[in-house]
Amino acid sequence: MTLVPSLTTLDALQPGQSATVVHLAPGAQQDGTDVQRRLMELGFVPGERIRVLKRGMGGPLAVKVGQSTFALRRFEAALVSIQPE
């Protein structure tokens, strides 16, 4: 029997941890911008491997996606469902 890690959201990942994007929550808006679409344009798409580089104290997360690094606000990171590695 193989145990599969449970899903969580990107905002729960600690620095140095990697995960695979599973799903993006739809419908979130910030200043008139579709946050799900923006995240997908940045590379946060299902199947993509990501890694948290740094977490600010109550602030943004630095996340590596492919060869790029992005700063995500906590509410944005909470929209990304992941499977930790």
Protein backbone atom coordinates (compact mmCIF):
# COMPACT_ATOMS: atom_id res chain seq x y z
CA MET A 1 0.00 0.00 0.00
CA THR A 2 1.44 3.36 -1.05
CA LEU A 3 0.66 6.46 0.96
CA VAL A 4 -0.05 9.56 -1.11
CA PRO A 5 0.77 12.89 0.54
CA SER A 6 -2.35 14.89 1.20
CA LEU A 7 -3.10 18.07 -0.69
CA THR A 8 -2.54 21.44 0.90
CA THR A 9 -2.13 25.00 -0.33
CA LEU A 10 1.03 26.83 -1.31
CA ASP A 11 0.82 29.25 1.62
CA ALA A 12 1.46 26.30 4.01
CA LEU A 13 4.74 25.25 2.35
CA GLN A 14 7.97 26.03 4.20
CA PRO A 15 11.18 27.45 2.65
CA GLY A 16 13.12 24.76 0.79
CA GLN A 17 10.07 22.55 0.28
CA SER A 18 8.96 21.55 -3.21
CA ALA A 19 5.54 20.57 -4.49
CA THR A 20 3.50 20.01 -7.62
CA VAL A 21 0.62 22.31 -8.53
CA VAL A 22 -2.67 20.36 -8.56
CA HIS A 23 -5.39 23.00 -8.89
CA LEU A 24 -6.03 26.76 -8.81
CA ALA A 25 -9.11 28.10 -7.05
CA PRO A 26 -11.32 29.98 -9.57
CA GLY A 27 -13.05 33.30 -9.26
CA ALA A 28 -10.72 35.28 -6.99
CA GLN A 29 -10.49 38.96 -7.88
CA GLN A 30 -7.95 41.57 -6.71
CA ASP A 31 -8.25 45.16 -7.95
CA GLY A 32 -10.34 43.96 -10.91
CA THR A 33 -7.77 41.34 -11.92
CA ASP A 34 -8.61 37.64 -12.26
CA VAL A 35 -6.04 36.16 -9.86
CA GLN A 36 -6.38 32.59 -11.20
CA ARG A 37 -5.58 33.78 -14.72
CA ARG A 38 -2.61 35.84 -13.50
CA LEU A 39 -1.19 32.85 -11.60
CA MET A 40 -1.57 30.62 -14.66
CA GLU A 41 0.19 33.20 -16.83
CA LEU A 42 3.09 33.15 -14.34
CA GLY A 43 3.39 29.37 -14.71
CA PHE A 44 1.33 28.08 -11.78
CA VAL A 45 -0.40 25.41 -13.84
CA PRO A 46 -1.43 21.87 -12.83
CA GLY A 47 1.53 19.49 -13.03
CA GLU A 48 4.16 22.22 -12.63
CA ARG A 49 6.83 21.69 -9.96
CA ILE A 50 7.41 24.64 -7.63
CA ARG A 51 9.66 25.42 -4.65
CA VAL A 52 9.33 27.98 -1.86
CA LEU A 53 12.57 29.92 -1.49
CA LYS A 54 11.67 32.32 1.30
CA ARG A 55 8.75 33.42 3.47
CA GLY A 56 8.38 36.93 4.81
CA MET A 57 7.06 37.40 8.35
CA GLY A 58 3.34 37.56 7.57
CA GLY A 59 4.23 38.88 4.12
CA PRO A 60 4.91 37.45 0.67
CA LEU A 61 6.48 34.15 -0.34
CA ALA A 62 9.31 33.88 -2.87
CA VAL A 63 8.42 30.93 -5.10
CA LYS A 64 10.46 29.37 -7.92
CA VAL A 65 8.49 28.17 -10.93
CA GLY A 66 10.64 26.76 -13.73
CA GLN A 67 13.57 29.17 -14.13
CA SER A 68 11.67 32.16 -12.72
CA THR A 69 11.13 33.43 -9.18
CA PHE A 70 7.97 35.26 -8.13
CA ALA A 71 6.77 36.96 -4.97
CA LEU A 72 3.22 35.91 -4.09
CA ARG A 73 1.00 37.47 -1.47
CA ARG A 74 -0.36 35.01 1.07
CA PHE A 75 -3.92 35.18 -0.27
CA GLU A 76 -2.62 34.36 -3.78
CA ALA A 77 -0.59 31.42 -2.48
CA ALA A 78 -3.69 30.14 -0.64
CA LEU A 79 -5.43 29.78 -4.03
CA VAL A 80 -2.85 27.23 -5.26
CA SER A 81 -3.59 23.63 -4.23
CA ILE A 82 -0.41 21.55 -4.17
CA GLN A 83 0.88 18.08 -3.46
CA PRO A 84 4.07 18.39 -1.37
CA GLU A 85 7.05 16.21 -2.29
